[in-house]
């Protein structure tokens, strides 16, 4: 997958650290005020809740996801994405390696 680049952004230096450091991301704020997080997930199973809708792009690695309301788990790899509805949640599992992602928050 081609590297993604974001120009003219504000980067928040303080990391978002979850699950004892197994999920780490940094927030960037685009010129239009919209936020994204750029992160990495190490092997394990994790549950996330969200207030806002999210668009998750997998940019490296692999994961298995079950979004609240879906009956099945779905596998995703680099170049694929999934959406999460507002006020819901998802479970994500990384079986090996590191999964890198871009999360776009949707108002």
PDB file of N, CA and C in Angstrom:
ATOM      1  N   UNK A   1       0.830  -1.178   0.000  1.00  0.00           N
ATOM      2  CA  UNK A   1       0.000   0.000   0.000  1.00  0.00           C
ATOM      3  C   UNK A   1       0.871   1.236   0.000  1.00  0.00           C
ATOM      4  N   UNK A   2       0.505   2.214  -0.771  1.00  0.00           N
ATOM      5  CA  UNK A   2       1.236   3.474  -0.855  1.00  0.00           C
ATOM      6  C   UNK A   2       1.132   4.214   0.482  1.00  0.00           C
ATOM      7  N   UNK A   3       2.229   4.854   0.906  1.00  0.00           N
ATOM      8  CA  UNK A   3       2.209   5.607   2.157  1.00  0.00           C
ATOM      9  C   UNK A   3       1.206   6.741   2.079  1.00  0.00           C
ATOM     10  N   UNK A   4       0.451   6.933   3.146  1.00  0.00           N
ATOM     11  CA  UNK A   4      -0.488   8.052   3.238  1.00  0.00           C
ATOM     12  C   UNK A   4       0.250   9.207   3.869  1.00  0.00           C
ATOM     13  N   UNK A   5      -0.056  10.394   3.393  1.00  0.00           N
ATOM     14  CA  UNK A   5       0.569  11.599   3.893  1.00  0.00           C
ATOM     15  C   UNK A   5      -0.498  12.636   4.164  1.00  0.00           C
ATOM     16  N   UNK A   6      -0.360  13.359   5.261  1.00  0.00           N
ATOM     17  CA  UNK A   6      -1.276  14.439   5.594  1.00  0.00           C
ATOM     18  C   UNK A   6      -0.460  15.710   5.726  1.00  0.00           C
ATOM     19  N   UNK A   7      -0.795  16.725   4.952  1.00  0.00           N
ATOM     20  CA  UNK A   7      -0.055  17.989   4.975  1.00  0.00           C
ATOM     21  C   UNK A   7      -0.838  19.033   5.747  1.00  0.00           C
ATOM     22  N   UNK A   8      -0.095  19.995   6.292  1.00  0.00           N
ATOM     23  CA  UNK A   8      -0.690  21.127   7.005  1.00  0.00           C
ATOM     24  C   UNK A   8      -1.615  20.671   8.129  1.00  0.00           C
ATOM     25  N   UNK A   9      -1.066  19.865   9.025  1.00  0.00           N
ATOM     26  CA  UNK A   9      -1.832  19.367  10.161  1.00  0.00           C
ATOM     27  C   UNK A   9      -1.189  19.819  11.470  1.00  0.00           C
ATOM     28  N   UNK A  10      -1.959  19.761  12.525  1.00  0.00           N
ATOM     29  CA  UNK A  10      -1.433  19.945  13.870  1.00  0.00           C
ATOM     30  C   UNK A  10      -1.339  18.550  14.474  1.00  0.00           C
ATOM     31  N   UNK A  11      -0.159  18.210  14.962  1.00  0.00           N
ATOM     32  CA  UNK A  11       0.041  16.897  15.579  1.00  0.00           C
ATOM     33  C   UNK A  11       0.063  17.064  17.095  1.00  0.00           C
ATOM     34  N   UNK A  12      -0.688  16.219  17.785  1.00  0.00           N
ATOM     35  CA  UNK A  12      -0.701  16.225  19.245  1.00  0.00           C
ATOM     36  C   UNK A  12       0.400  15.270  19.708  1.00  0.00           C
ATOM     37  N   UNK A  13       1.379  15.804  20.426  1.00  0.00           N
ATOM     38  CA  UNK A  13       2.546  15.006  20.811  1.00  0.00           C
ATOM     39  C   UNK A  13       2.204  13.921  21.830  1.00  0.00           C
ATOM     40  N   UNK A  14       1.288  14.199  22.752  1.00  0.00           N
ATOM     41  CA  UNK A  14       0.928  13.210  23.779  1.00  0.00           C
ATOM     42  C   UNK A  14       0.206  12.040  23.131  1.00  0.00           C
ATOM     43  N   UNK A  15       0.713  10.860  23.347  1.00  0.00           N
ATOM     44  CA  UNK A  15       0.123   9.651  22.762  1.00  0.00           C
ATOM     45  C   UNK A  15      -1.151   9.245  23.498  1.00  0.00           C
ATOM     46  N   UNK A  16      -2.042   8.595  22.753  1.00  0.00           N
ATOM     47  CA  UNK A  16      -3.206   7.924  23.333  1.00  0.00           C
ATOM     48  C   UNK A  16      -2.773   6.481  23.562  1.00  0.00           C
ATOM     49  N   UNK A  17      -2.690   6.060  24.806  1.00  0.00           N
ATOM     50  CA  UNK A  17      -2.172   4.730  25.138  1.00  0.00           C
ATOM     51  C   UNK A  17      -3.277   3.922  25.819  1.00  0.00           C
ATOM     52  N   UNK A  18      -3.570   2.747  25.267  1.00  0.00           N
ATOM     53  CA  UNK A  18      -4.616   1.879  25.778  1.00  0.00           C
ATOM     54  C   UNK A  18      -4.065   0.476  26.030  1.00  0.00           C
ATOM     55  N   UNK A  19      -4.724  -0.256  26.899  1.00  0.00           N
ATOM     56  CA  UNK A  19      -4.424  -1.672  27.133  1.00  0.00           C
ATOM     57  C   UNK A  19      -2.934  -1.902  27.413  1.00  0.00           C
ATOM     58  N   UNK A  20      -2.422  -1.161  28.391  1.00  0.00           N
ATOM     59  CA  UNK A  20      -1.022  -1.313  28.831  1.00  0.00           C
ATOM     60  C   UNK A  20      -0.023  -1.151  27.687  1.00  0.00           C
ATOM     61  N   UNK A  21      -0.312  -0.249  26.760  1.00  0.00           N
ATOM     62  CA  UNK A  21       0.611   0.048  25.665  1.00  0.00           C
ATOM     63  C   UNK A  21       0.471  -0.846  24.453  1.00  0.00           C
ATOM     64  N   UNK A  22      -0.522  -1.721  24.453  1.00  0.00           N
ATOM     65  CA  UNK A  22      -0.698  -2.602  23.297  1.00  0.00           C
ATOM     66  C   UNK A  22      -1.428  -1.908  22.154  1.00  0.00           C
ATOM     67  N   UNK A  23      -2.049  -0.759  22.438  1.00  0.00           N
ATOM     68  CA  UNK A  23      -2.672   0.075  21.408  1.00  0.00           C
ATOM     69  C   UNK A  23      -2.197   1.502  21.669  1.00  0.00           C
ATOM     70  N   UNK A  24      -1.541   2.093  20.665  1.00  0.00           N
ATOM     71  CA  UNK A  24      -0.999   3.442  20.806  1.00  0.00           C
ATOM     72  C   UNK A  24      -1.328   4.241  19.558  1.00  0.00           C
ATOM     73  N   UNK A  25      -1.817   5.472  19.761  1.00  0.00           N
ATOM     74  CA  UNK A  25      -2.097   6.325  18.613  1.00  0.00           C
ATOM     75  C   UNK A  25      -1.722   7.770  18.923  1.00  0.00           C
ATOM     76  N   UNK A  26      -1.628   8.560  17.880  1.00  0.00           N
ATOM     77  CA  UNK A  26      -1.431  10.011  17.988  1.00  0.00           C
ATOM     78  C   UNK A  26      -2.531  10.691  17.202  1.00  0.00           C
ATOM     79  N   UNK A  27      -3.008  11.802  17.741  1.00  0.00           N
ATOM     80  CA  UNK A  27      -4.064  12.576  17.100  1.00  0.00           C
ATOM     81  C   UNK A  27      -3.454  13.625  16.190  1.00  0.00           C
ATOM     82  N   UNK A  28      -4.046  13.767  15.000  1.00  0.00           N
ATOM     83  CA  UNK A  28      -3.706  14.890  14.134  1.00  0.00           C
ATOM     84  C   UNK A  28      -4.990  15.662  13.870  1.00  0.00           C
ATOM     85  N   UNK A  29      -4.845  16.976  13.752  1.00  0.00           N
ATOM     86  CA  UNK A  29      -5.988  17.845  13.476  1.00  0.00           C
ATOM     87  C   UNK A  29      -5.747  18.484  12.117  1.00  0.00           C
ATOM     88  N   UNK A  30      -6.664  18.238  11.195  1.00  0.00           N
ATOM     89  CA  UNK A  30      -6.536  18.754   9.835  1.00  0.00           C
ATOM     90  C   UNK A  30      -6.877  20.240   9.785  1.00  0.00           C
ATOM     91  N   UNK A  31      -6.527  20.880   8.690  1.00  0.00           N
ATOM     92  CA  UNK A  31      -6.802  22.317   8.530  1.00  0.00           C
ATOM     93  C   UNK A  31      -8.273  22.654   8.734  1.00  0.00           C
ATOM     94  N   UNK A  32      -9.164  21.748   8.346  1.00  0.00           N
ATOM     95  CA  UNK A  32     -10.602  22.013   8.470  1.00  0.00           C
ATOM     96  C   UNK A  32     -11.136  21.708   9.873  1.00  0.00           C
ATOM     97  N   UNK A  33     -10.251  21.315  10.804  1.00  0.00           N
ATOM     98  CA  UNK A  33     -10.654  21.047  12.179  1.00  0.00           C
ATOM     99  C   UNK A  33     -11.011  19.603  12.453  1.00  0.00           C
ATOM    100  N   UNK A  34     -11.131  18.787  11.427  1.00  0.00           N
ATOM    101  CA  UNK A  34     -11.440  17.368  11.622  1.00  0.00           C
ATOM    102  C   UNK A  34     -10.236  16.648  12.220  1.00  0.00           C
ATOM    103  N   UNK A  35     -10.529  15.623  13.020  1.00  0.00           N
ATOM    104  CA  UNK A  35      -9.473  14.864  13.684  1.00  0.00           C
ATOM    105  C   UNK A  35      -9.361  13.448  13.136  1.00  0.00           C
ATOM    106  N   UNK A  36      -8.123  12.959  13.154  1.00  0.00           N
ATOM    107  CA  UNK A  36      -7.817  11.573  12.836  1.00  0.00           C
ATOM    108  C   UNK A  36      -6.850  11.080  13.889  1.00  0.00           C
ATOM    109  N   UNK A  37      -6.818   9.779  14.089  1.00  0.00           N
ATOM    110  CA  UNK A  37      -5.739   9.213  14.889  1.00  0.00           C
ATOM    111  C   UNK A  37      -4.977   8.228  14.016  1.00  0.00           C
ATOM    112  N   UNK A  38      -3.684   8.207  14.198  1.00  0.00           N
ATOM    113  CA  UNK A  38      -2.786   7.301  13.492  1.00  0.00           C
ATOM    114  C   UNK A  38      -2.215   6.369  14.548  1.00  0.00           C
ATOM    115  N   UNK A  39      -2.450   5.067  14.396  1.00  0.00           N
ATOM    116  CA  UNK A  39      -2.046   4.193  15.480  1.00  0.00           C
ATOM    117  C   UNK A  39      -1.568   2.822  15.082  1.00  0.00           C
ATOM    118  N   UNK A  40      -1.143   2.097  16.129  1.00  0.00           N
ATOM    119  CA  UNK A  40      -0.650   0.728  15.991  1.00  0.00           C
ATOM    120  C   UNK A  40      -1.295  -0.127  17.070  1.00  0.00           C
ATOM    121  N   UNK A  41      -1.624  -1.360  16.685  1.00  0.00           N
ATOM    122  CA  UNK A  41      -2.187  -2.317  17.632  1.00  0.00           C
ATOM    123  C   UNK A  41      -1.317  -3.570  17.622  1.00  0.00           C
ATOM    124  N   UNK A  42      -0.854  -3.948  18.803  1.00  0.00           N
ATOM    125  CA  UNK A  42      -0.032  -5.148  18.952  1.00  0.00           C
ATOM    126  C   UNK A  42      -0.947  -6.360  19.142  1.00  0.00           C
ATOM    127  N   UNK A  43      -0.408  -7.573  19.050  1.00  0.00           N
ATOM    128  CA  UNK A  43      -1.245  -8.766  19.178  1.00  0.00           C
ATOM    129  C   UNK A  43      -2.076  -8.788  20.460  1.00  0.00           C
ATOM    130  N   UNK A  44      -3.322  -9.224  20.290  1.00  0.00           N
ATOM    131  CA  UNK A  44      -4.239  -9.331  21.415  1.00  0.00           C
ATOM    132  C   UNK A  44      -5.668  -9.099  20.952  1.00  0.00           C
ATOM    133  N   UNK A  45      -6.602  -9.173  21.911  1.00  0.00           N
ATOM    134  CA  UNK A  45      -8.017  -8.916  21.649  1.00  0.00           C
ATOM    135  C   UNK A  45      -8.413  -7.688  22.449  1.00  0.00           C
ATOM    136  N   UNK A  46      -9.095  -6.740  21.795  1.00  0.00           N
ATOM    137  CA  UNK A  46      -9.420  -5.469  22.429  1.00  0.00           C
ATOM    138  C   UNK A  46     -10.843  -5.042  22.089  1.00  0.00           C
ATOM    139  N   UNK A  47     -11.483  -4.372  23.051  1.00  0.00           N
ATOM    140  CA  UNK A  47     -12.845  -3.872  22.859  1.00  0.00           C
ATOM    141  C   UNK A  47     -12.812  -2.347  22.948  1.00  0.00           C
ATOM    142  N   UNK A  48     -13.389  -1.677  21.953  1.00  0.00           N
ATOM    143  CA  UNK A  48     -13.455  -0.217  21.928  1.00  0.00           C
ATOM    144  C   UNK A  48     -14.895   0.244  21.821  1.00  0.00           C
ATOM    145  N   UNK A  49     -15.239   1.255  22.602  1.00  0.00           N
ATOM    146  CA  UNK A  49     -16.525   1.936  22.490  1.00  0.00           C
ATOM    147  C   UNK A  49     -16.261   3.299  21.865  1.00  0.00           C
ATOM    148  N   UNK A  50     -17.257   3.824  21.152  1.00  0.00           N
ATOM    149  CA  UNK A  50     -17.077   5.115  20.512  1.00  0.00           C
ATOM    150  C   UNK A  50     -18.336   5.964  20.630  1.00  0.00           C
ATOM    151  N   UNK A  51     -18.152   7.240  20.859  1.00  0.00           N
ATOM    152  CA  UNK A  51     -19.279   8.171  20.861  1.00  0.00           C
ATOM    153  C   UNK A  51     -19.573   8.634  19.440  1.00  0.00           C
ATOM    154  N   UNK A  52     -18.504   8.953  18.698  1.00  0.00           N
ATOM    155  CA  UNK A  52     -18.658   9.414  17.316  1.00  0.00           C
ATOM    156  C   UNK A  52     -18.555   8.228  16.352  1.00  0.00           C
ATOM    157  N   UNK A  53     -19.098   8.402  15.168  1.00  0.00           N
ATOM    158  CA  UNK A  53     -18.895   7.398  14.119  1.00  0.00           C
ATOM    159  C   UNK A  53     -17.410   7.406  13.747  1.00  0.00           C
ATOM    160  N   UNK A  54     -16.903   6.250  13.339  1.00  0.00           N
ATOM    161  CA  UNK A  54     -15.495   6.122  12.967  1.00  0.00           C
ATOM    162  C   UNK A  54     -15.357   5.379  11.648  1.00  0.00           C
ATOM    163  N   UNK A  55     -14.370   5.805  10.869  1.00  0.00           N
ATOM    164  CA  UNK A  55     -13.968   5.091   9.655  1.00  0.00           C
ATOM    165  C   UNK A  55     -12.537   4.630   9.912  1.00  0.00           C
ATOM    166  N   UNK A  56     -12.351   3.313   9.966  1.00  0.00           N
ATOM    167  CA  UNK A  56     -11.041   2.740  10.274  1.00  0.00           C
ATOM    168  C   UNK A  56     -10.398   2.176   9.006  1.00  0.00           C
ATOM    169  N   UNK A  57      -9.260   2.757   8.619  1.00  0.00           N
ATOM    170  CA  UNK A  57      -8.499   2.278   7.458  1.00  0.00           C
ATOM    171  C   UNK A  57      -7.309   1.480   7.964  1.00  0.00           C
ATOM    172  N   UNK A  58      -7.154   0.262   7.497  1.00  0.00           N
ATOM    173  CA  UNK A  58      -6.001  -0.552   7.865  1.00  0.00           C
ATOM    174  C   UNK A  58      -4.896  -0.235   6.848  1.00  0.00           C
ATOM    175  N   UNK A  59      -3.748   0.228   7.351  1.00  0.00           N
ATOM    176  CA  UNK A  59      -2.674   0.605   6.427  1.00  0.00           C
ATOM    177  C   UNK A  59      -1.513  -0.387   6.433  1.00  0.00           C
ATOM    178  N   UNK A  60      -1.464  -1.249   7.435  1.00  0.00           N
ATOM    179  CA  UNK A  60      -0.444  -2.308   7.458  1.00  0.00           C
ATOM    180  C   UNK A  60      -0.908  -3.390   8.424  1.00  0.00           C
ATOM    181  N   UNK A  61      -0.585  -4.625   8.116  1.00  0.00           N
ATOM    182  CA  UNK A  61      -0.930  -5.733   8.984  1.00  0.00           C
ATOM    183  C   UNK A  61      -2.330  -6.263   8.722  1.00  0.00           C
ATOM    184  N   UNK A  62      -2.795  -7.083   9.670  1.00  0.00           N
ATOM    185  CA  UNK A  62      -4.090  -7.758   9.546  1.00  0.00           C
ATOM    186  C   UNK A  62      -4.819  -7.725  10.875  1.00  0.00           C
ATOM    187  N   UNK A  63      -6.150  -7.773  10.793  1.00  0.00           N
ATOM    188  CA  UNK A  63      -6.952  -7.824  12.010  1.00  0.00           C
ATOM    189  C   UNK A  63      -8.274  -8.523  11.724  1.00  0.00           C
ATOM    190  N   UNK A  64      -8.913  -8.963  12.794  1.00  0.00           N
ATOM    191  CA  UNK A  64     -10.254  -9.530  12.723  1.00  0.00           C
ATOM    192  C   UNK A  64     -11.141  -8.639  13.576  1.00  0.00           C
ATOM    193  N   UNK A  65     -12.273  -8.223  12.996  1.00  0.00           N
ATOM    194  CA  UNK A  65     -13.130  -7.235  13.662  1.00  0.00           C
ATOM    195  C   UNK A  65     -14.564  -7.730  13.728  1.00  0.00           C
ATOM    196  N   UNK A  66     -15.206  -7.431  14.847  1.00  0.00           N
ATOM    197  CA  UNK A  66     -16.649  -7.632  14.960  1.00  0.00           C
ATOM    198  C   UNK A  66     -17.245  -6.316  15.445  1.00  0.00           C
ATOM    199  N   UNK A  67     -17.985  -5.656  14.557  1.00  0.00           N
ATOM    200  CA  UNK A  67     -18.635  -4.395  14.882  1.00  0.00           C
ATOM    201  C   UNK A  67     -19.956  -4.706  15.559  1.00  0.00           C
ATOM    202  N   UNK A  68     -20.296  -3.907  16.584  1.00  0.00           N
ATOM    203  CA  UNK A  68     -21.568  -4.095  17.289  1.00  0.00           C
ATOM    204  C   UNK A  68     -22.709  -4.157  16.284  1.00  0.00           C
ATOM    205  N   UNK A  69     -23.547  -5.157  16.423  1.00  0.00           N
ATOM    206  CA  UNK A  69     -24.682  -5.337  15.525  1.00  0.00           C
ATOM    207  C   UNK A  69     -24.422  -6.318  14.399  1.00  0.00           C
ATOM    208  N   UNK A  70     -23.142  -6.576  14.094  1.00  0.00           N
ATOM    209  CA  UNK A  70     -22.814  -7.578  13.077  1.00  0.00           C
ATOM    210  C   UNK A  70     -22.834  -8.963  13.718  1.00  0.00           C
ATOM    211  N   UNK A  71     -23.230  -9.949  12.947  1.00  0.00           N
ATOM    212  CA  UNK A  71     -23.284 -11.301  13.502  1.00  0.00           C
ATOM    213  C   UNK A  71     -21.977 -12.069  13.306  1.00  0.00           C
ATOM    214  N   UNK A  72     -21.122 -11.603  12.395  1.00  0.00           N
ATOM    215  CA  UNK A  72     -19.882 -12.321  12.089  1.00  0.00           C
ATOM    216  C   UNK A  72     -18.648 -11.459  12.279  1.00  0.00           C
ATOM    217  N   UNK A  73     -17.524 -12.126  12.501  1.00  0.00           N
ATOM    218  CA  UNK A  73     -16.228 -11.472  12.481  1.00  0.00           C
ATOM    219  C   UNK A  73     -15.811 -11.304  11.024  1.00  0.00           C
ATOM    220  N   UNK A  74     -15.074 -10.228  10.739  1.00  0.00           N
ATOM    221  CA  UNK A  74     -14.575  -9.980   9.386  1.00  0.00           C
ATOM    222  C   UNK A  74     -13.080  -9.721   9.452  1.00  0.00           C
ATOM    223  N   UNK A  75     -12.330 -10.326   8.537  1.00  0.00           N
ATOM    224  CA  UNK A  75     -10.886 -10.108   8.448  1.00  0.00           C
ATOM    225  C   UNK A  75     -10.599  -8.918   7.546  1.00  0.00           C
ATOM    226  N   UNK A  76      -9.648  -8.071   7.982  1.00  0.00           N
ATOM    227  CA  UNK A  76      -9.229  -6.907   7.208  1.00  0.00           C
ATOM    228  C   UNK A  76      -7.713  -6.908   7.110  1.00  0.00           C
ATOM    229  N   UNK A  77      -7.208  -6.393   5.986  1.00  0.00           N
ATOM    230  CA  UNK A  77      -5.767  -6.258   5.796  1.00  0.00           C
ATOM    231  C   UNK A  77      -5.493  -4.897   5.168  1.00  0.00           C
ATOM    232  N   UNK A  78      -4.218  -4.609   4.956  1.00  0.00           N
ATOM    233  CA  UNK A  78      -3.817  -3.306   4.411  1.00  0.00           C
ATOM    234  C   UNK A  78      -4.616  -2.964   3.164  1.00  0.00           C
ATOM    235  N   UNK A  79      -5.129  -1.733   3.130  1.00  0.00           N
ATOM    236  CA  UNK A  79      -5.911  -1.269   2.000  1.00  0.00           C
ATOM    237  C   UNK A  79      -7.405  -1.430   2.189  1.00  0.00           C
ATOM    238  N   UNK A  80      -7.824  -2.089   3.276  1.00  0.00           N
ATOM    239  CA  UNK A  80      -9.245  -2.275   3.537  1.00  0.00           C
ATOM    240  C   UNK A  80      -9.679  -1.392   4.710  1.00  0.00           C
ATOM    241  N   UNK A  81     -10.995  -1.218   4.854  1.00  0.00           N
ATOM    242  CA  UNK A  81     -11.495  -0.367   5.923  1.00  0.00           C
ATOM    243  C   UNK A  81     -12.849  -0.871   6.419  1.00  0.00           C
ATOM    244  N   UNK A  82     -13.233  -0.370   7.585  1.00  0.00           N
ATOM    245  CA  UNK A  82     -14.558  -0.665   8.130  1.00  0.00           C
ATOM    246  C   UNK A  82     -15.074   0.564   8.861  1.00  0.00           C
ATOM    247  N   UNK A  83     -16.409   0.620   9.035  1.00  0.00           N
ATOM    248  CA  UNK A  83     -17.054   1.751   9.687  1.00  0.00           C
ATOM    249  C   UNK A  83     -17.724   1.303  10.977  1.00  0.00           C
ATOM    250  N   UNK A  84     -17.733   2.217  11.940  1.00  0.00           N
ATOM    251  CA  UNK A  84     -18.366   1.977  13.224  1.00  0.00           C
ATOM    252  C   UNK A  84     -19.392   3.091  13.445  1.00  0.00           C
ATOM    253  N   UNK A  85     -20.593   2.722  13.786  1.00  0.00           N
ATOM    254  CA  UNK A  85     -21.667   3.691  14.020  1.00  0.00           C
ATOM    255  C   UNK A  85     -21.427   4.453  15.325  1.00  0.00           C
ATOM    256  N   UNK A  86     -21.980   5.669  15.448  1.00  0.00           N
ATOM    257  CA  UNK A  86     -21.831   6.408  16.706  1.00  0.00           C
ATOM    258  C   UNK A  86     -22.518   5.677  17.857  1.00  0.00           C
ATOM    259  N   UNK A  87     -22.010   5.916  19.071  1.00  0.00           N
ATOM    260  CA  UNK A  87     -22.576   5.318  20.286  1.00  0.00           C
ATOM    261  C   UNK A  87     -22.640   3.799  20.193  1.00  0.00           C
ATOM    262  N   UNK A  88     -21.581   3.193  19.657  1.00  0.00           N
ATOM    263  CA  UNK A  88     -21.519   1.732  19.553  1.00  0.00           C
ATOM    264  C   UNK A  88     -20.116   1.260  19.927  1.00  0.00           C
ATOM    265  N   UNK A  89     -19.761   0.074  19.461  1.00  0.00           N
ATOM    266  CA  UNK A  89     -18.462  -0.483  19.830  1.00  0.00           C
ATOM    267  C   UNK A  89     -18.013  -1.508  18.792  1.00  0.00           C
ATOM    268  N   UNK A  90     -16.757  -1.939  18.952  1.00  0.00           N
ATOM    269  CA  UNK A  90     -16.236  -3.013  18.122  1.00  0.00           C
ATOM    270  C   UNK A  90     -15.164  -3.766  18.873  1.00  0.00           C
ATOM    271  N   UNK A  91     -15.004  -5.033  18.513  1.00  0.00           N
ATOM    272  CA  UNK A  91     -13.929  -5.876  19.034  1.00  0.00           C
ATOM    273  C   UNK A  91     -12.935  -6.089  17.913  1.00  0.00           C
ATOM    274  N   UNK A  92     -11.654  -5.989  18.248  1.00  0.00           N
ATOM    275  CA  UNK A  92     -10.612  -6.183  17.242  1.00  0.00           C
ATOM    276  C   UNK A  92      -9.569  -7.145  17.802  1.00  0.00           C
ATOM    277  N   UNK A  93      -9.130  -8.066  16.955  1.00  0.00           N
ATOM    278  CA  UNK A  93      -8.102  -9.026  17.342  1.00  0.00           C
ATOM    279  C   UNK A  93      -6.961  -8.973  16.337  1.00  0.00           C
ATOM    280  N   UNK A  94      -5.751  -8.895  16.887  1.00  0.00           N
ATOM    281  CA  UNK A  94      -4.528  -8.975  16.087  1.00  0.00           C
ATOM    282  C   UNK A  94      -3.873 -10.289  16.489  1.00  0.00           C
ATOM    283  N   UNK A  95      -3.727 -11.188  15.519  1.00  0.00           N
ATOM    284  CA  UNK A  95      -3.190 -12.515  15.841  1.00  0.00           C
ATOM    285  C   UNK A  95      -1.669 -12.537  15.830  1.00  0.00           C
ATOM    286  N   UNK A  96      -1.061 -11.733  14.938  1.00  0.00           N
ATOM    287  CA  UNK A  96       0.412 -11.675  14.887  1.00  0.00           C
ATOM    288  C   UNK A  96       0.840 -10.379  14.228  1.00  0.00           C
ATOM    289  N   UNK A  97       2.059  -9.967  14.537  1.00  0.00           N
ATOM    290  CA  UNK A  97       2.575  -8.729  13.960  1.00  0.00           C
ATOM    291  C   UNK A  97       1.889  -7.510  14.554  1.00  0.00           C
ATOM    292  N   UNK A  98       1.979  -6.410  13.836  1.00  0.00           N
ATOM    293  CA  UNK A  98       1.389  -5.145  14.264  1.00  0.00           C
ATOM    294  C   UNK A  98       0.407  -4.692  13.196  1.00  0.00           C
ATOM    295  N   UNK A  99      -0.743  -4.233  13.624  1.00  0.00           N
ATOM    296  CA  UNK A  99      -1.740  -3.676  12.712  1.00  0.00           C
ATOM    297  C   UNK A  99      -1.669  -2.150  12.836  1.00  0.00           C
ATOM    298  N   UNK A 100      -1.467  -1.460  11.736  1.00  0.00           N
ATOM    299  CA  UNK A 100      -1.425  -0.003  11.729  1.00  0.00           C
ATOM    300  C   UNK A 100      -2.701   0.523  11.095  1.00  0.00           C
ATOM    301  N   UNK A 101      -3.211   1.630  11.630  1.00  0.00           N
ATOM    302  CA  UNK A 101      -4.496   2.140  11.166  1.00  0.00           C
ATOM    303  C   UNK A 101      -4.553   3.659  11.161  1.00  0.00           C
ATOM    304  N   UNK A 102      -5.529   4.164  10.418  1.00  0.00           N
ATOM    305  CA  UNK A 102      -5.924   5.562  10.456  1.00  0.00           C
ATOM    306  C   UNK A 102      -7.397   5.570  10.824  1.00  0.00           C
ATOM    307  N   UNK A 103      -7.729   6.258  11.900  1.00  0.00           N
ATOM    308  CA  UNK A 103      -9.123   6.374  12.326  1.00  0.00           C
ATOM    309  C   UNK A 103      -9.590   7.796  12.037  1.00  0.00           C
ATOM    310  N   UNK A 104     -10.653   7.909  11.253  1.00  0.00           N
ATOM    311  CA  UNK A 104     -11.268   9.200  10.968  1.00  0.00           C
ATOM    312  C   UNK A 104     -12.557   9.287  11.770  1.00  0.00           C
ATOM    313  N   UNK A 105     -12.687  10.359  12.545  1.00  0.00           N
ATOM    314  CA  UNK A 105     -13.893  10.572  13.341  1.00  0.00           C
ATOM    315  C   UNK A 105     -14.897  11.333  12.483  1.00  0.00           C
ATOM    316  N   UNK A 106     -16.131  10.832  12.448  1.00  0.00           N
ATOM    317  CA  UNK A 106     -17.172  11.398  11.605  1.00  0.00           C
ATOM    318  C   UNK A 106     -18.247  12.002  12.495  1.00  0.00           C
ATOM    319  N   UNK A 107     -18.532  13.282  12.296  1.00  0.00           N
ATOM    320  CA  UNK A 107     -19.587  13.956  13.087  1.00  0.00           C
ATOM    321  C   UNK A 107     -20.954  13.616  12.604  1.00  0.00           C
TER     322      UNK A 107
END
